Amino acid sequence: MSILPTFGFGSEGYLNRSKQFEELEPLNSKENHILITGGTSGIGLAAAKRFLSLGAEVTVTGRDSFKGQICQNQGLNFIQANMAEPQDVQNLVNKVKPVRVLVLNAGGMPPLKLVNSLGQELIFASQVMGHLHLILCLIKSQGLAQGSRVVWVSSAGSYLQRIRLHDLHFINRRYNAVSAYANAKRAQLILNSDLSVSLQSLGVLMGAMHPGWVSTEGLQSAMPWFYRLYQNQLRNVDQGADTICWMGVNPKGFAPGGYYFDRQQVPEHIFSWYTQETEAEKKVLLQAALWDQLLYCDSFVSRSL
C-alpha cells in the first residue's frame, strides 16, 4: 500500500480536506511585506504568487538571477542570495525592508555533496544554519517586529528521520542526499519548537508546516524513483503552498511552535519510538552544532537559549 493515501500526503488527501477550507482574506500591501527564501520556483513561487494575489508585497530570494528576473516580471521583488553563505544572509538583511511574514522555504537536495565557503555541507548550511541566521539578524535589525510571523517549510520526510548530529557535514561518512535533507528538516522542527518560546516573548509568532508530497522539479531530479512511482498521486505546487499562505494570513494565527499540515496541527513524530530526539540531542543542536555560526547574533542568543 502506498504511504501517500495512508497519511493523506498526496493530492487526494488535499482535495478531501480542502472542501472545509475557508477563503483566505485579502491583505493590505502597505502593511504586509512577505519574504520567502527559495521563492523563485516550486512551492515557494506558488506561495509567493498566492500572497501577491491576496494583495501583499512579496520579496523572494534565490541563487539564480535569471529566475529572479522572471519573478520580477510577475510583480515580485527579488534579492539574489545563497542561504548557505553567511555573507549572503547578512547582505539580504541589509537590503530587505521590514518583514511581516517570513517563509523559510529555501531547500534543495543535491545528489553530490556540496559545501559552502566554510566547508559546511550545503543542505544543513542553507536550510538550517542560514535560516536561523536570517531570523536572528532580522530581529537584531528590527526587520522582524512585534506581530510578525515566521513559517518553517519542513517536509514529511522528517517523519522517517531521527536527528543525527555526529559528523553532521559528512566528513568521515558517505554522503547521502536523502538522509541529509531529512536530517535538516528534523532539525528545523526542533528549532521551531524551542525558539518559538523566545520569539513569542518578542511578539513574533513562529510555526512550521509540511506540504505533503508535491510534484516539483526538485523532487523529480533528487528522487526520480519516487517521482516515477507516485507521480499520479502527488500534489501540485499550489496545493503544497496552501498551508504556508494560511499560516501567513489567518487572522486567528496558529499555535506557537506548532507543526501544521493542510491547515491542521499535526504531531512532529509518527514513529516516535524511532525519531524522538533526547533533551541532550536538542542541547547539542542548539548550543554546539550552530553556536559558532551565531556569535555575531550573541546578544539575542544569550537571551534566548
Protein backbone atom coordinates (compact mmCIF):
# COMPACT_ATOMS: atom_id res chain seq x y z
CA MET A 1 0.00 0.00 0.00
CA SER A 2 1.25 3.48 -0.84
CA ILE A 3 2.16 5.76 2.05
CA LEU A 4 0.51 8.63 0.17
CA PRO A 5 -3.16 7.69 0.67
CA THR A 6 -2.36 6.19 4.07
CA PHE A 7 -1.39 9.57 5.54
CA GLY A 8 -3.21 11.79 3.06
CA PHE A 9 0.06 13.29 1.83
CA GLY A 10 -0.96 13.10 -1.83
CA SER A 11 -3.41 15.10 -3.92
CA GLU A 12 -6.44 13.05 -2.89
CA GLY A 13 -5.87 13.93 0.75
CA TYR A 14 -5.71 17.62 -0.09
CA LEU A 15 -8.86 17.53 -2.21
CA ASN A 16 -10.77 15.85 0.60
CA ARG A 17 -9.61 18.25 3.33
CA SER A 18 -9.79 21.43 1.27
CA LYS A 19 -13.57 21.08 0.97
CA GLN A 20 -13.70 22.52 4.50
CA PHE A 21 -11.20 25.35 3.87
CA GLU A 22 -12.33 28.96 4.08
CA GLU A 23 -11.14 31.55 1.56
CA LEU A 24 -8.03 33.46 2.62
CA GLU A 25 -8.63 37.10 3.47
CA PRO A 26 -7.19 39.91 1.29
CA LEU A 27 -4.13 41.78 2.56
CA ASN A 28 -3.03 45.40 2.56
CA SER A 29 0.29 45.61 0.71
CA LYS A 30 1.40 48.63 2.74
CA GLU A 31 1.16 46.63 5.97
CA ASN A 32 2.10 43.17 4.72
CA HIS A 33 5.54 42.61 3.27
CA ILE A 34 6.30 38.91 2.88
CA LEU A 35 9.78 37.43 2.41
CA ILE A 36 10.11 33.91 1.00
CA THR A 37 13.52 32.27 0.78
CA GLY A 38 13.93 30.00 -2.21
CA GLY A 39 10.86 31.59 -3.74
CA THR A 40 11.82 31.57 -7.42
CA SER A 41 10.43 28.11 -8.18
CA GLY A 42 8.32 25.25 -6.86
CA ILE A 43 6.30 25.57 -3.67
CA GLY A 44 7.97 28.86 -2.74
CA LEU A 45 6.98 30.51 -6.01
CA ALA A 46 3.44 29.17 -5.71
CA ALA A 47 3.18 30.67 -2.22
CA ALA A 48 4.61 33.97 -3.47
CA LYS A 49 2.02 34.21 -6.25
CA ARG A 50 -0.80 33.37 -3.83
CA PHE A 51 0.31 36.05 -1.36
CA LEU A 52 0.63 38.52 -4.25
CA SER A 53 -2.90 37.72 -5.42
CA LEU A 54 -4.13 38.47 -1.88
CA GLY A 55 -2.64 41.97 -2.09
CA ALA A 56 0.64 41.60 -0.23
CA GLU A 57 4.02 42.90 -1.31
CA VAL A 58 6.25 39.87 -1.78
CA THR A 59 10.03 39.51 -1.96
CA VAL A 60 11.60 36.21 -2.98
CA THR A 61 15.21 35.11 -2.75
CA GLY A 62 17.19 32.66 -4.82
CA ARG A 63 20.59 31.98 -6.31
CA ASP A 64 19.53 32.18 -9.96
CA SER A 65 19.31 35.75 -11.27
CA PHE A 66 17.53 34.61 -14.46
CA LYS A 67 14.72 33.05 -12.41
CA GLY A 68 14.73 36.20 -10.31
CA GLN A 69 14.14 38.34 -13.38
CA ILE A 70 11.17 36.17 -14.33
CA CYS A 71 9.76 36.68 -10.83
CA GLN A 72 10.19 40.43 -11.12
CA ASN A 73 8.29 40.36 -14.41
CA GLN A 74 5.42 38.75 -12.49
CA GLY A 75 5.27 41.54 -9.91
CA LEU A 76 7.51 40.05 -7.23
CA ASN A 77 10.58 41.65 -5.69
CA PHE A 78 13.79 39.64 -5.97
CA ILE A 79 17.01 39.64 -3.93
CA GLN A 80 19.75 37.27 -5.02
CA ALA A 81 21.05 35.28 -2.06
CA ASN A 82 22.58 31.89 -1.30
CA MET A 83 21.24 30.91 2.12
CA ALA A 84 24.24 28.66 2.73
CA GLU A 85 26.59 31.66 2.77
CA PRO A 86 26.64 33.82 5.92
CA GLN A 87 27.66 36.93 3.97
CA ASP A 88 24.76 36.50 1.57
CA VAL A 89 22.39 36.26 4.53
CA GLN A 90 23.81 39.46 6.00
CA ASN A 91 23.51 41.23 2.64
CA LEU A 92 19.89 40.09 2.43
CA VAL A 93 19.16 41.53 5.87
CA ASN A 94 20.76 44.83 4.82
CA LYS A 95 18.65 45.05 1.64
CA VAL A 96 15.22 43.80 2.62
CA LYS A 97 12.52 46.03 4.06
CA PRO A 98 10.77 45.09 7.36
CA VAL A 99 9.04 41.73 7.11
CA ARG A 100 5.52 40.89 8.26
CA VAL A 101 5.68 37.19 7.28
CA LEU A 102 8.96 35.29 6.86
CA VAL A 103 8.69 31.98 5.00
CA LEU A 104 11.78 29.79 5.40
CA ASN A 105 11.41 27.73 2.26
CA ALA A 106 14.84 27.55 0.59
CA GLY A 107 15.79 23.94 0.12
CA GLY A 108 17.36 21.53 -2.29
CA MET A 109 18.75 18.02 -2.40
CA PRO A 110 21.95 18.00 -4.48
CA PRO A 111 22.89 14.41 -5.40
CA LEU A 112 26.58 15.05 -4.72
CA LYS A 113 28.00 16.58 -1.57
CA LEU A 114 28.48 20.34 -1.84
CA VAL A 115 29.90 22.67 0.80
CA ASN A 116 29.74 26.39 1.49
CA SER A 117 32.72 28.71 1.89
CA LEU A 118 33.15 27.48 5.48
CA GLY A 119 33.30 23.83 4.42
CA GLN A 120 29.85 23.01 5.77
CA GLU A 121 27.55 20.61 3.96
CA LEU A 122 25.19 22.63 1.77
CA ILE A 123 21.80 21.24 2.79
CA PHE A 124 22.28 21.79 6.52
CA ALA A 125 24.13 25.06 5.97
CA SER A 126 21.32 26.56 3.88
CA GLN A 127 18.16 25.05 5.32
CA VAL A 128 19.08 25.18 9.00
CA MET A 129 22.03 27.49 9.69
CA GLY A 130 21.21 30.04 7.01
CA HIS A 131 17.59 30.31 8.04
CA LEU A 132 18.45 30.61 11.70
CA HIS A 133 20.95 33.35 10.83
CA LEU A 134 18.26 35.17 8.93
CA ILE A 135 15.77 35.04 11.82
CA LEU A 136 18.24 36.27 14.41
CA CYS A 137 19.71 39.02 12.26
CA LEU A 138 16.28 40.29 11.20
CA ILE A 139 15.32 40.51 14.87
CA LYS A 140 18.55 42.29 15.70
CA SER A 141 17.94 44.80 12.88
CA GLN A 142 14.25 45.11 13.82
CA GLY A 143 13.32 43.68 10.44
CA LEU A 144 11.03 41.26 12.28
CA ALA A 145 8.93 43.38 14.59
CA GLN A 146 6.17 42.59 17.05
CA GLY A 147 3.25 40.97 15.25
CA SER A 148 5.42 39.27 12.60
CA ARG A 149 5.18 35.60 11.73
CA VAL A 150 7.83 33.02 10.83
CA VAL A 151 6.94 29.83 8.97
CA TRP A 152 9.40 26.95 8.55
CA VAL A 153 8.67 24.82 5.45
CA SER A 154 9.68 21.35 6.59
CA SER A 155 8.97 18.02 4.93
CA ALA A 156 7.01 14.85 5.54
CA GLY A 157 10.39 13.17 5.06
CA SER A 158 11.25 14.28 8.59
CA TYR A 159 8.82 11.65 9.88
CA LEU A 160 11.34 8.98 8.91
CA GLN A 161 14.41 10.69 10.37
CA ARG A 162 15.86 10.91 13.86
CA ILE A 163 18.19 13.87 14.29
CA ARG A 164 21.79 12.87 13.62
CA LEU A 165 24.44 15.28 14.83
CA HIS A 166 27.52 13.07 14.63
CA ASP A 167 29.64 14.02 11.61
CA LEU A 168 26.97 16.49 10.58
CA HIS A 169 28.84 17.63 7.47
CA PHE A 170 29.71 14.16 6.13
CA ILE A 171 33.44 14.48 6.62
CA ASN A 172 34.05 10.89 7.73
CA ARG A 173 31.00 9.13 6.29
CA ARG A 174 29.50 8.67 2.88
CA TYR A 175 27.19 11.45 1.76
CA ASN A 176 23.53 10.57 1.30
CA ALA A 177 21.34 13.36 -0.08
CA VAL A 178 18.00 11.98 1.14
CA SER A 179 19.35 11.43 4.65
CA ALA A 180 20.98 14.88 4.75
CA TYR A 181 17.73 16.51 3.63
CA ALA A 182 15.55 14.65 6.13
CA ASN A 183 18.05 15.41 8.90
CA ALA A 184 17.89 19.14 8.12
CA LYS A 185 14.10 19.01 8.15
CA ARG A 186 14.10 17.25 11.52
CA ALA A 187 16.48 19.91 12.84
CA GLN A 188 14.08 22.62 11.66
CA LEU A 189 11.28 21.11 13.75
CA ILE A 190 13.47 21.01 16.86
CA LEU A 191 14.44 24.64 16.38
CA ASN A 192 10.84 25.61 15.71
CA SER A 193 9.67 24.02 18.95
CA ASP A 194 12.43 25.55 21.05
CA LEU A 195 12.91 29.02 19.57
CA SER A 196 9.19 29.74 19.24
CA VAL A 197 9.08 30.32 23.01
CA SER A 198 11.75 33.01 22.84
CA LEU A 199 10.22 34.63 19.78
CA GLN A 200 6.79 34.68 21.36
CA SER A 201 8.20 36.80 24.18
CA LEU A 202 9.26 39.30 21.49
CA GLY A 203 5.82 39.28 19.88
CA VAL A 204 6.88 37.13 16.91
CA LEU A 205 4.84 34.01 16.11
CA MET A 206 6.79 31.01 14.81
CA GLY A 207 5.46 27.73 13.45
CA ALA A 208 6.25 25.03 10.91
CA MET A 209 4.41 23.08 8.24
CA HIS A 210 4.94 20.36 5.70
CA PRO A 211 3.30 20.42 2.27
CA GLY A 212 2.76 16.70 1.77
CA TRP A 213 4.25 15.02 -1.27
CA VAL A 214 4.42 17.63 -4.04
CA SER A 215 5.35 17.34 -7.71
CA THR A 216 8.29 19.70 -8.18
CA GLU A 217 11.35 19.75 -10.39
CA GLY A 218 13.42 19.33 -7.24
CA LEU A 219 11.65 16.11 -6.27
CA GLN A 220 11.85 14.77 -9.80
CA SER A 221 15.61 15.33 -10.02
CA ALA A 222 16.50 14.31 -6.44
CA MET A 223 14.24 11.25 -6.11
CA PRO A 224 13.38 10.09 -9.65
CA TRP A 225 12.35 6.62 -8.46
CA PHE A 226 9.83 8.14 -6.03
CA TYR A 227 8.52 10.50 -8.69
CA ARG A 228 8.04 7.70 -11.24
CA LEU A 229 6.25 5.53 -8.69
CA TYR A 230 3.86 8.15 -7.32
CA GLN A 231 3.66 10.90 -9.95
CA ASN A 232 -0.09 10.42 -10.47
CA GLN A 233 -0.76 10.83 -6.74
CA LEU A 234 1.43 13.84 -5.99
CA ARG A 235 0.08 17.28 -5.12
CA ASN A 236 0.63 20.26 -7.35
CA VAL A 237 2.61 23.22 -6.04
CA ASP A 238 -0.47 25.31 -5.29
CA GLN A 239 -1.84 22.57 -3.07
CA GLY A 240 1.53 22.25 -1.36
CA ALA A 241 1.72 26.00 -0.73
CA ASP A 242 -1.77 26.40 0.71
CA THR A 243 -0.90 25.91 4.38
CA ILE A 244 2.05 28.32 4.09
CA CYS A 245 -0.31 31.06 2.97
CA TRP A 246 -2.93 30.14 5.57
CA MET A 247 -0.35 30.41 8.34
CA GLY A 248 0.73 33.76 6.96
CA VAL A 249 -2.68 35.41 6.80
CA ASN A 250 -5.04 33.51 9.14
CA PRO A 251 -6.34 36.23 11.49
CA LYS A 252 -6.55 33.71 14.35
CA GLY A 253 -2.89 32.84 13.95
CA PHE A 254 -1.62 29.40 14.92
CA ALA A 255 -0.13 27.65 17.93
CA PRO A 256 3.40 28.93 18.73
CA GLY A 257 5.85 26.18 17.80
CA GLY A 258 3.04 24.18 16.20
CA TYR A 259 3.53 21.88 13.23
CA TYR A 260 0.85 22.07 10.54
CA PHE A 261 -0.36 20.11 7.53
CA ASP A 262 -3.43 21.05 5.49
CA ARG A 263 -4.29 23.85 7.95
CA GLN A 264 -4.39 21.47 10.92
CA GLN A 265 -1.88 20.99 13.70
CA VAL A 266 -0.23 17.59 13.47
CA PRO A 267 2.31 15.71 15.61
CA GLU A 268 6.02 16.13 14.92
CA HIS A 269 6.51 12.37 15.12
CA ILE A 270 4.57 9.44 13.67
CA PHE A 271 7.13 6.83 14.68
CA SER A 272 8.23 8.48 17.93
CA TRP A 273 9.90 5.32 19.19
CA TYR A 274 12.38 5.78 16.34
CA THR A 275 12.56 9.51 15.64
CA GLN A 276 12.06 11.20 19.03
CA GLU A 277 15.17 13.18 19.99
CA THR A 278 16.52 13.36 23.54
CA GLU A 279 16.93 16.55 25.54
CA ALA A 280 20.69 16.08 25.22
CA GLU A 281 20.40 15.98 21.42
CA LYS A 282 18.33 19.15 21.45
CA LYS A 283 21.02 20.87 23.52
CA VAL A 284 23.77 19.76 21.15
CA LEU A 285 21.82 21.10 18.16
CA LEU A 286 21.09 24.44 19.78
CA GLN A 287 24.38 25.12 21.53
CA ALA A 288 27.10 23.15 19.75
CA ALA A 289 26.24 22.45 16.11
CA LEU A 290 25.12 26.04 15.49
CA TRP A 291 26.87 28.06 18.16
CA ASP A 292 29.94 29.06 16.17
CA GLN A 293 27.69 30.36 13.42
CA LEU A 294 25.66 32.59 15.73
CA LEU A 295 28.31 34.58 17.54
CA TYR A 296 27.53 37.76 15.65
CA CYS A 297 23.97 37.46 16.98
CA ASP A 298 25.15 36.70 20.52
CA SER A 299 23.03 39.40 22.15
CA PHE A 300 19.85 37.61 21.10
CA VAL A 301 21.24 34.11 21.67
CA SER A 302 22.20 34.92 25.26
CA ARG A 303 18.62 35.98 25.97
CA SER A 304 17.01 33.08 24.13
CA LEU A 305 18.92 29.88 24.86
